[in-house]
Amino acid sequence: MLDLQPASFEDFLREAKRGNVVPVVRSVLADLQTPVGAFLRVAEGARYAFLLESIEGGERVARYSFLGANPEMIVRGRGDVTIIERNGEQETL
């Protein structure tokens, strides 16, 4: 698996000071927690939150779940219109 995470906290600070978006990932063994339960905990109090799961075909259980809250940017699409919202400003494409 590709590791995009900074090697150390100092690396994180250096990249963040440059203005880069620095991915921070945490793998959690969650045999007693469902993805929806984890999502509800992360999303509590957030204006925007997401849960993405890797379900394929007719599977009932996802292999991976990705969740987050308070995104840096929001992309919305409807028909042939795309709206990008970042820092409280919107751009229509």
PDB file of N, CA and C in Angstrom:
ATOM      1  N   MET A   1       0.845  -1.173   0.000  1.00  0.00           N
ATOM      2  CA  MET A   1       0.000   0.000   0.000  1.00  0.00           C
ATOM      3  C   MET A   1       0.896   1.244   0.000  1.00  0.00           C
ATOM      4  N   LEU A   2       0.496   2.246  -0.744  1.00  0.00           N
ATOM      5  CA  LEU A   2       1.220   3.502  -0.833  1.00  0.00           C
ATOM      6  C   LEU A   2       1.024   4.291   0.450  1.00  0.00           C
ATOM      7  N   ASP A   3       2.128   4.697   1.076  1.00  0.00           N
ATOM      8  CA  ASP A   3       2.051   5.464   2.317  1.00  0.00           C
ATOM      9  C   ASP A   3       2.265   6.938   1.999  1.00  0.00           C
ATOM     10  N   LEU A   4       1.205   7.719   2.049  1.00  0.00           N
ATOM     11  CA  LEU A   4       1.272   9.142   1.742  1.00  0.00           C
ATOM     12  C   LEU A   4       1.519  10.000   2.970  1.00  0.00           C
ATOM     13  N   GLN A   5       1.483   9.408   4.118  1.00  0.00           N
ATOM     14  CA  GLN A   5       1.585  10.124   5.372  1.00  0.00           C
ATOM     15  C   GLN A   5       3.001  10.645   5.595  1.00  0.00           C
ATOM     16  N   PRO A   6       3.165  11.810   6.240  1.00  0.00           N
ATOM     17  CA  PRO A   6       4.510  12.286   6.564  1.00  0.00           C
ATOM     18  C   PRO A   6       5.201  11.324   7.522  1.00  0.00           C
ATOM     19  N   ALA A   7       6.515  11.209   7.386  1.00  0.00           N
ATOM     20  CA  ALA A   7       7.281  10.261   8.196  1.00  0.00           C
ATOM     21  C   ALA A   7       7.325  10.663   9.668  1.00  0.00           C
ATOM     22  N   SER A   8       7.290  11.959   9.944  1.00  0.00           N
ATOM     23  CA  SER A   8       7.369  12.426  11.322  1.00  0.00           C
ATOM     24  C   SER A   8       6.538  13.697  11.477  1.00  0.00           C
ATOM     25  N   PHE A   9       6.352  14.104  12.712  1.00  0.00           N
ATOM     26  CA  PHE A   9       5.608  15.336  12.965  1.00  0.00           C
ATOM     27  C   PHE A   9       6.361  16.537  12.410  1.00  0.00           C
ATOM     28  N   GLU A  10       7.681  16.488  12.477  1.00  0.00           N
ATOM     29  CA  GLU A  10       8.496  17.576  11.925  1.00  0.00           C
ATOM     30  C   GLU A  10       8.295  17.683  10.414  1.00  0.00           C
ATOM     31  N   ASP A  11       8.219  16.533   9.713  1.00  0.00           N
ATOM     32  CA  ASP A  11       7.938  16.542   8.271  1.00  0.00           C
ATOM     33  C   ASP A  11       6.564  17.148   8.003  1.00  0.00           C
ATOM     34  N   PHE A  12       5.599  16.786   8.829  1.00  0.00           N
ATOM     35  CA  PHE A  12       4.255  17.344   8.688  1.00  0.00           C
ATOM     36  C   PHE A  12       4.294  18.866   8.807  1.00  0.00           C
ATOM     37  N   LEU A  13       4.951  19.373   9.849  1.00  0.00           N
ATOM     38  CA  LEU A  13       5.016  20.822  10.056  1.00  0.00           C
ATOM     39  C   LEU A  13       5.712  21.522   8.897  1.00  0.00           C
ATOM     40  N   ARG A  14       6.796  20.931   8.408  1.00  0.00           N
ATOM     41  CA  ARG A  14       7.538  21.533   7.291  1.00  0.00           C
ATOM     42  C   ARG A  14       6.650  21.636   6.053  1.00  0.00           C
ATOM     43  N   GLU A  15       5.951  20.562   5.712  1.00  0.00           N
ATOM     44  CA  GLU A  15       5.087  20.571   4.528  1.00  0.00           C
ATOM     45  C   GLU A  15       3.899  21.509   4.714  1.00  0.00           C
ATOM     46  N   ALA A  16       3.335  21.535   5.912  1.00  0.00           N
ATOM     47  CA  ALA A  16       2.189  22.411   6.176  1.00  0.00           C
ATOM     48  C   ALA A  16       2.594  23.878   6.077  1.00  0.00           C
ATOM     49  N   LYS A  17       3.791  24.230   6.552  1.00  0.00           N
ATOM     50  CA  LYS A  17       4.262  25.619   6.472  1.00  0.00           C
ATOM     51  C   LYS A  17       4.460  26.062   5.033  1.00  0.00           C
ATOM     52  N   ARG A  18       4.738  25.120   4.146  1.00  0.00           N
ATOM     53  CA  ARG A  18       4.884  25.438   2.722  1.00  0.00           C
ATOM     54  C   ARG A  18       3.530  25.675   2.058  1.00  0.00           C
ATOM     55  N   GLY A  19       2.460  25.431   2.798  1.00  0.00           N
ATOM     56  CA  GLY A  19       1.122  25.613   2.245  1.00  0.00           C
ATOM     57  C   GLY A  19       0.576  24.365   1.584  1.00  0.00           C
ATOM     58  N   ASN A  20       1.273  23.256   1.734  1.00  0.00           N
ATOM     59  CA  ASN A  20       0.822  21.999   1.134  1.00  0.00           C
ATOM     60  C   ASN A  20      -0.276  21.350   1.972  1.00  0.00           C
ATOM     61  N   VAL A  21      -1.171  20.645   1.296  1.00  0.00           N
ATOM     62  CA  VAL A  21      -2.128  19.797   1.996  1.00  0.00           C
ATOM     63  C   VAL A  21      -1.386  18.514   2.334  1.00  0.00           C
ATOM     64  N   VAL A  22      -1.368  18.153   3.600  1.00  0.00           N
ATOM     65  CA  VAL A  22      -0.609  16.990   4.053  1.00  0.00           C
ATOM     66  C   VAL A  22      -1.586  15.918   4.524  1.00  0.00           C
ATOM     67  N   PRO A  23      -1.651  14.782   3.814  1.00  0.00           N
ATOM     68  CA  PRO A  23      -2.574  13.733   4.244  1.00  0.00           C
ATOM     69  C   PRO A  23      -2.118  13.096   5.556  1.00  0.00           C
ATOM     70  N   VAL A  24      -3.052  12.911   6.438  1.00  0.00           N
ATOM     71  CA  VAL A  24      -2.783  12.224   7.698  1.00  0.00           C
ATOM     72  C   VAL A  24      -3.780  11.078   7.777  1.00  0.00           C
ATOM     73  N   VAL A  25      -3.260   9.878   7.928  1.00  0.00           N
ATOM     74  CA  VAL A  25      -4.083   8.677   7.887  1.00  0.00           C
ATOM     75  C   VAL A  25      -3.917   7.919   9.191  1.00  0.00           C
ATOM     76  N   ARG A  26      -5.004   7.334   9.627  1.00  0.00           N
ATOM     77  CA  ARG A  26      -4.923   6.479  10.803  1.00  0.00           C
ATOM     78  C   ARG A  26      -5.679   5.199  10.500  1.00  0.00           C
ATOM     79  N   SER A  27      -5.000   4.084  10.592  1.00  0.00           N
ATOM     80  CA  SER A  27      -5.643   2.779  10.420  1.00  0.00           C
ATOM     81  C   SER A  27      -6.101   2.298  11.785  1.00  0.00           C
ATOM     82  N   VAL A  28      -7.336   1.838  11.836  1.00  0.00           N
ATOM     83  CA  VAL A  28      -7.907   1.414  13.106  1.00  0.00           C
ATOM     84  C   VAL A  28      -8.544   0.044  12.930  1.00  0.00           C
ATOM     85  N   LEU A  29      -8.162  -0.894  13.786  1.00  0.00           N
ATOM     86  CA  LEU A  29      -8.836  -2.184  13.817  1.00  0.00           C
ATOM     87  C   LEU A  29     -10.182  -1.946  14.494  1.00  0.00           C
ATOM     88  N   ALA A  30     -11.244  -2.163  13.762  1.00  0.00           N
ATOM     89  CA  ALA A  30     -12.559  -1.779  14.275  1.00  0.00           C
ATOM     90  C   ALA A  30     -13.530  -2.946  14.220  1.00  0.00           C
ATOM     91  N   ASP A  31     -13.140  -4.055  14.798  1.00  0.00           N
ATOM     92  CA  ASP A  31     -14.010  -5.225  14.741  1.00  0.00           C
ATOM     93  C   ASP A  31     -15.271  -5.064  15.591  1.00  0.00           C
ATOM     94  N   LEU A  32     -15.290  -4.105  16.499  1.00  0.00           N
ATOM     95  CA  LEU A  32     -16.482  -3.872  17.313  1.00  0.00           C
ATOM     96  C   LEU A  32     -17.223  -2.598  16.918  1.00  0.00           C
ATOM     97  N   GLN A  33     -16.746  -1.909  15.889  1.00  0.00           N
ATOM     98  CA  GLN A  33     -17.344  -0.653  15.447  1.00  0.00           C
ATOM     99  C   GLN A  33     -17.763  -0.780  13.993  1.00  0.00           C
ATOM    100  N   THR A  34     -18.933  -0.316  13.657  1.00  0.00           N
ATOM    101  CA  THR A  34     -19.367  -0.324  12.261  1.00  0.00           C
ATOM    102  C   THR A  34     -18.898   0.965  11.596  1.00  0.00           C
ATOM    103  N   PRO A  35     -18.762   0.963  10.265  1.00  0.00           N
ATOM    104  CA  PRO A  35     -18.396   2.203   9.569  1.00  0.00           C
ATOM    105  C   PRO A  35     -19.389   3.337   9.846  1.00  0.00           C
ATOM    106  N   VAL A  36     -20.669   3.020   9.899  1.00  0.00           N
ATOM    107  CA  VAL A  36     -21.669   4.061  10.155  1.00  0.00           C
ATOM    108  C   VAL A  36     -21.523   4.604  11.579  1.00  0.00           C
ATOM    109  N   GLY A  37     -21.259   3.738  12.539  1.00  0.00           N
ATOM    110  CA  GLY A  37     -21.047   4.188  13.915  1.00  0.00           C
ATOM    111  C   GLY A  37     -19.833   5.095  14.029  1.00  0.00           C
ATOM    112  N   ALA A  38     -18.733   4.727  13.358  1.00  0.00           N
ATOM    113  CA  ALA A  38     -17.532   5.569  13.356  1.00  0.00           C
ATOM    114  C   ALA A  38     -17.820   6.902  12.679  1.00  0.00           C
ATOM    115  N   PHE A  39     -18.556   6.857  11.567  1.00  0.00           N
ATOM    116  CA  PHE A  39     -18.917   8.080  10.854  1.00  0.00           C
ATOM    117  C   PHE A  39     -19.715   9.023  11.748  1.00  0.00           C
ATOM    118  N   LEU A  40     -20.679   8.490  12.469  1.00  0.00           N
ATOM    119  CA  LEU A  40     -21.502   9.329  13.340  1.00  0.00           C
ATOM    120  C   LEU A  40     -20.661  10.012  14.412  1.00  0.00           C
ATOM    121  N   ARG A  41     -19.648   9.329  14.908  1.00  0.00           N
ATOM    122  CA  ARG A  41     -18.760   9.933  15.913  1.00  0.00           C
ATOM    123  C   ARG A  41     -17.917  11.040  15.302  1.00  0.00           C
ATOM    124  N   VAL A  42     -17.364  10.792  14.113  1.00  0.00           N
ATOM    125  CA  VAL A  42     -16.519  11.788  13.449  1.00  0.00           C
ATOM    126  C   VAL A  42     -17.344  12.986  12.985  1.00  0.00           C
ATOM    127  N   ALA A  43     -18.552  12.728  12.506  1.00  0.00           N
ATOM    128  CA  ALA A  43     -19.390  13.777  11.920  1.00  0.00           C
ATOM    129  C   ALA A  43     -20.094  14.652  12.956  1.00  0.00           C
ATOM    130  N   GLU A  44     -20.090  14.233  14.199  1.00  0.00           N
ATOM    131  CA  GLU A  44     -20.820  14.983  15.224  1.00  0.00           C
ATOM    132  C   GLU A  44     -20.338  16.432  15.284  1.00  0.00           C
ATOM    133  N   GLY A  45     -21.258  17.356  15.089  1.00  0.00           N
ATOM    134  CA  GLY A  45     -20.935  18.778  15.158  1.00  0.00           C
ATOM    135  C   GLY A  45     -20.348  19.358  13.886  1.00  0.00           C
ATOM    136  N   ALA A  46     -20.067  18.526  12.893  1.00  0.00           N
ATOM    137  CA  ALA A  46     -19.480  19.011  11.641  1.00  0.00           C
ATOM    138  C   ALA A  46     -20.576  19.477  10.687  1.00  0.00           C
ATOM    139  N   ARG A  47     -20.291  20.522   9.926  1.00  0.00           N
ATOM    140  CA  ARG A  47     -21.254  20.989   8.928  1.00  0.00           C
ATOM    141  C   ARG A  47     -21.318  20.016   7.758  1.00  0.00           C
ATOM    142  N   TYR A  48     -20.166  19.522   7.342  1.00  0.00           N
ATOM    143  CA  TYR A  48     -20.088  18.553   6.251  1.00  0.00           C
ATOM    144  C   TYR A  48     -19.242  17.371   6.695  1.00  0.00           C
ATOM    145  N   ALA A  49     -19.652  16.176   6.284  1.00  0.00           N
ATOM    146  CA  ALA A  49     -18.895  14.967   6.593  1.00  0.00           C
ATOM    147  C   ALA A  49     -19.149  13.955   5.487  1.00  0.00           C
ATOM    148  N   PHE A  50     -18.276  12.953   5.400  1.00  0.00           N
ATOM    149  CA  PHE A  50     -18.444  11.948   4.349  1.00  0.00           C
ATOM    150  C   PHE A  50     -18.030  10.571   4.839  1.00  0.00           C
ATOM    151  N   LEU A  51     -18.623   9.555   4.202  1.00  0.00           N
ATOM    152  CA  LEU A  51     -18.285   8.152   4.424  1.00  0.00           C
ATOM    153  C   LEU A  51     -18.251   7.494   3.055  1.00  0.00           C
ATOM    154  N   LEU A  52     -17.097   6.985   2.671  1.00  0.00           N
ATOM    155  CA  LEU A  52     -16.923   6.277   1.405  1.00  0.00           C
ATOM    156  C   LEU A  52     -16.531   4.843   1.726  1.00  0.00           C
ATOM    157  N   GLU A  53     -17.174   3.875   1.071  1.00  0.00           N
ATOM    158  CA  GLU A  53     -16.869   2.474   1.330  1.00  0.00           C
ATOM    159  C   GLU A  53     -16.535   1.749   0.036  1.00  0.00           C
ATOM    160  N   SER A  54     -15.712   0.722   0.148  1.00  0.00           N
ATOM    161  CA  SER A  54     -15.201  -0.004  -1.020  1.00  0.00           C
ATOM    162  C   SER A  54     -16.024  -1.246  -1.345  1.00  0.00           C
ATOM    163  N   ILE A  55     -17.324  -1.109  -1.376  1.00  0.00           N
ATOM    164  CA  ILE A  55     -18.189  -2.247  -1.695  1.00  0.00           C
ATOM    165  C   ILE A  55     -18.242  -2.423  -3.202  1.00  0.00           C
ATOM    166  N   GLU A  56     -18.053  -3.661  -3.651  1.00  0.00           N
ATOM    167  CA  GLU A  56     -18.115  -3.960  -5.081  1.00  0.00           C
ATOM    168  C   GLU A  56     -19.182  -5.012  -5.329  1.00  0.00           C
ATOM    169  N   GLY A  57     -19.875  -4.873  -6.438  1.00  0.00           N
ATOM    170  CA  GLY A  57     -20.868  -5.877  -6.815  1.00  0.00           C
ATOM    171  C   GLY A  57     -21.908  -6.074  -5.735  1.00  0.00           C
ATOM    172  N   GLY A  58     -22.181  -7.324  -5.410  1.00  0.00           N
ATOM    173  CA  GLY A  58     -23.211  -7.641  -4.426  1.00  0.00           C
ATOM    174  C   GLY A  58     -22.681  -7.863  -3.030  1.00  0.00           C
ATOM    175  N   GLU A  59     -21.448  -7.434  -2.761  1.00  0.00           N
ATOM    176  CA  GLU A  59     -20.876  -7.633  -1.432  1.00  0.00           C
ATOM    177  C   GLU A  59     -21.702  -6.914  -0.376  1.00  0.00           C
ATOM    178  N   ARG A  60     -21.668  -7.458   0.832  1.00  0.00           N
ATOM    179  CA  ARG A  60     -22.394  -6.838   1.938  1.00  0.00           C
ATOM    180  C   ARG A  60     -21.456  -6.094   2.880  1.00  0.00           C
ATOM    181  N   VAL A  61     -20.180  -6.413   2.844  1.00  0.00           N
ATOM    182  CA  VAL A  61     -19.224  -5.806   3.761  1.00  0.00           C
ATOM    183  C   VAL A  61     -18.117  -5.139   2.953  1.00  0.00           C
ATOM    184  N   ALA A  62     -17.797  -3.906   3.308  1.00  0.00           N
ATOM    185  CA  ALA A  62     -16.729  -3.183   2.622  1.00  0.00           C
ATOM    186  C   ALA A  62     -15.378  -3.591   3.192  1.00  0.00           C
ATOM    187  N   ARG A  63     -14.381  -3.628   2.328  1.00  0.00           N
ATOM    188  CA  ARG A  63     -13.037  -3.920   2.806  1.00  0.00           C
ATOM    189  C   ARG A  63     -12.421  -2.680   3.449  1.00  0.00           C
ATOM    190  N   TYR A  64     -12.662  -1.518   2.841  1.00  0.00           N
ATOM    191  CA  TYR A  64     -12.116  -0.263   3.359  1.00  0.00           C
ATOM    192  C   TYR A  64     -13.235   0.749   3.525  1.00  0.00           C
ATOM    193  N   SER A  65     -13.123   1.569   4.540  1.00  0.00           N
ATOM    194  CA  SER A  65     -14.035   2.693   4.745  1.00  0.00           C
ATOM    195  C   SER A  65     -13.186   3.933   4.965  1.00  0.00           C
ATOM    196  N   PHE A  66     -13.552   5.013   4.300  1.00  0.00           N
ATOM    197  CA  PHE A  66     -12.851   6.284   4.429  1.00  0.00           C
ATOM    198  C   PHE A  66     -13.858   7.299   4.942  1.00  0.00           C
ATOM    199  N   LEU A  67     -13.511   7.992   6.015  1.00  0.00           N
ATOM    200  CA  LEU A  67     -14.438   8.966   6.551  1.00  0.00           C
ATOM    201  C   LEU A  67     -13.694  10.215   6.973  1.00  0.00           C
ATOM    202  N   GLY A  68     -14.408  11.310   6.965  1.00  0.00           N
ATOM    203  CA  GLY A  68     -13.802  12.575   7.355  1.00  0.00           C
ATOM    204  C   GLY A  68     -14.868  13.629   7.574  1.00  0.00           C
ATOM    205  N   ALA A  69     -14.433  14.758   8.102  1.00  0.00           N
ATOM    206  CA  ALA A  69     -15.349  15.860   8.375  1.00  0.00           C
ATOM    207  C   ALA A  69     -14.618  17.173   8.140  1.00  0.00           C
ATOM    208  N   ASN A  70     -15.401  18.223   7.972  1.00  0.00           N
ATOM    209  CA  ASN A  70     -14.872  19.565   7.755  1.00  0.00           C
ATOM    210  C   ASN A  70     -13.854  19.597   6.617  1.00  0.00           C
ATOM    211  N   PRO A  71     -14.296  19.283   5.400  1.00  0.00           N
ATOM    212  CA  PRO A  71     -13.370  19.211   4.268  1.00  0.00           C
ATOM    213  C   PRO A  71     -12.803  20.575   3.881  1.00  0.00           C
ATOM    214  N   GLU A  72     -11.644  20.563   3.283  1.00  0.00           N
ATOM    215  CA  GLU A  72     -10.973  21.759   2.773  1.00  0.00           C
ATOM    216  C   GLU A  72     -11.737  22.353   1.590  1.00  0.00           C
ATOM    217  N   MET A  73     -12.336  21.472   0.785  1.00  0.00           N
ATOM    218  CA  MET A  73     -13.024  21.907  -0.424  1.00  0.00           C
ATOM    219  C   MET A  73     -14.233  21.008  -0.653  1.00  0.00           C
ATOM    220  N   ILE A  74     -15.295  21.583  -1.206  1.00  0.00           N
ATOM    221  CA  ILE A  74     -16.504  20.828  -1.526  1.00  0.00           C
ATOM    222  C   ILE A  74     -16.756  20.967  -3.017  1.00  0.00           C
ATOM    223  N   VAL A  75     -16.960  19.840  -3.691  1.00  0.00           N
ATOM    224  CA  VAL A  75     -17.275  19.839  -5.119  1.00  0.00           C
ATOM    225  C   VAL A  75     -18.675  19.272  -5.277  1.00  0.00           C
ATOM    226  N   ARG A  76     -19.550  20.045  -5.920  1.00  0.00           N
ATOM    227  CA  ARG A  76     -20.926  19.608  -6.160  1.00  0.00           C
ATOM    228  C   ARG A  76     -21.168  19.573  -7.657  1.00  0.00           C
ATOM    229  N   GLY A  77     -21.905  18.590  -8.094  1.00  0.00           N
ATOM    230  CA  GLY A  77     -22.253  18.507  -9.503  1.00  0.00           C
ATOM    231  C   GLY A  77     -23.723  18.214  -9.683  1.00  0.00           C
ATOM    232  N   ARG A  78     -24.331  18.893 -10.634  1.00  0.00           N
ATOM    233  CA  ARG A  78     -25.727  18.631 -10.973  1.00  0.00           C
ATOM    234  C   ARG A  78     -25.865  18.892 -12.469  1.00  0.00           C
ATOM    235  N   GLY A  79     -26.241  17.837 -13.196  1.00  0.00           N
ATOM    236  CA  GLY A  79     -26.323  17.983 -14.651  1.00  0.00           C
ATOM    237  C   GLY A  79     -24.949  18.309 -15.210  1.00  0.00           C
ATOM    238  N   ASP A  80     -24.855  19.377 -15.970  1.00  0.00           N
ATOM    239  CA  ASP A  80     -23.559  19.758 -16.534  1.00  0.00           C
ATOM    240  C   ASP A  80     -22.937  20.945 -15.799  1.00  0.00           C
ATOM    241  N   VAL A  81     -23.382  21.199 -14.564  1.00  0.00           N
ATOM    242  CA  VAL A  81     -22.851  22.306 -13.766  1.00  0.00           C
ATOM    243  C   VAL A  81     -22.055  21.742 -12.589  1.00  0.00           C
ATOM    244  N   THR A  82     -20.848  22.269 -12.392  1.00  0.00           N
ATOM    245  CA  THR A  82     -20.005  21.888 -11.264  1.00  0.00           C
ATOM    246  C   THR A  82     -19.738  23.133 -10.432  1.00  0.00           C
ATOM    247  N   ILE A  83     -19.921  23.020  -9.128  1.00  0.00           N
ATOM    248  CA  ILE A  83     -19.660  24.134  -8.215  1.00  0.00           C
ATOM    249  C   ILE A  83     -18.574  23.699  -7.243  1.00  0.00           C
ATOM    250  N   ILE A  84     -17.544  24.522  -7.129  1.00  0.00           N
ATOM    251  CA  ILE A  84     -16.451  24.266  -6.192  1.00  0.00           C
ATOM    252  C   ILE A  84     -16.523  25.325  -5.102  1.00  0.00           C
ATOM    253  N   GLU A  85     -16.586  24.873  -3.853  1.00  0.00           N
ATOM    254  CA  GLU A  85     -16.631  25.790  -2.713  1.00  0.00           C
ATOM    255  C   GLU A  85     -15.369  25.608  -1.887  1.00  0.00           C
ATOM    256  N   ARG A  86     -14.667  26.720  -1.666  1.00  0.00           N
ATOM    257  CA  ARG A  86     -13.432  26.685  -0.886  1.00  0.00           C
ATOM    258  C   ARG A  86     -13.285  28.018  -0.163  1.00  0.00           C
ATOM    259  N   ASN A  87     -12.994  27.967   1.113  1.00  0.00           N
ATOM    260  CA  ASN A  87     -12.814  29.175   1.926  1.00  0.00           C
ATOM    261  C   ASN A  87     -14.025  30.101   1.847  1.00  0.00           C
ATOM    262  N   GLY A  88     -15.224  29.539   1.799  1.00  0.00           N
ATOM    263  CA  GLY A  88     -16.437  30.332   1.768  1.00  0.00           C
ATOM    264  C   GLY A  88     -16.778  30.948   0.428  1.00  0.00           C
ATOM    265  N   GLU A  89     -15.961  30.715  -0.590  1.00  0.00           N
ATOM    266  CA  GLU A  89     -16.220  31.254  -1.928  1.00  0.00           C
ATOM    267  C   GLU A  89     -16.607  30.125  -2.866  1.00  0.00           C
ATOM    268  N   GLN A  90     -17.478  30.442  -3.831  1.00  0.00           N
ATOM    269  CA  GLN A  90     -17.929  29.441  -4.799  1.00  0.00           C
ATOM    270  C   GLN A  90     -17.485  29.816  -6.201  1.00  0.00           C
ATOM    271  N   GLU A  91     -17.128  28.786  -6.955  1.00  0.00           N
ATOM    272  CA  GLU A  91     -16.781  28.948  -8.367  1.00  0.00           C
ATOM    273  C   GLU A  91     -17.640  27.964  -9.155  1.00  0.00           C
ATOM    274  N   THR A  92     -18.318  28.449 -10.178  1.00  0.00           N
ATOM    275  CA  THR A  92     -19.156  27.600 -11.017  1.00  0.00           C
ATOM    276  C   THR A  92     -18.419  27.305 -12.308  1.00  0.00           C
ATOM    277  N   LEU A  93     -18.358  26.036 -12.667  1.00  0.00           N
ATOM    278  CA  LEU A  93     -17.683  25.621 -13.903  1.00  0.00           C
ATOM    279  C   LEU A  93     -18.702  25.143 -14.914  1.00  0.00           C
TER     280      LEU A  93
END
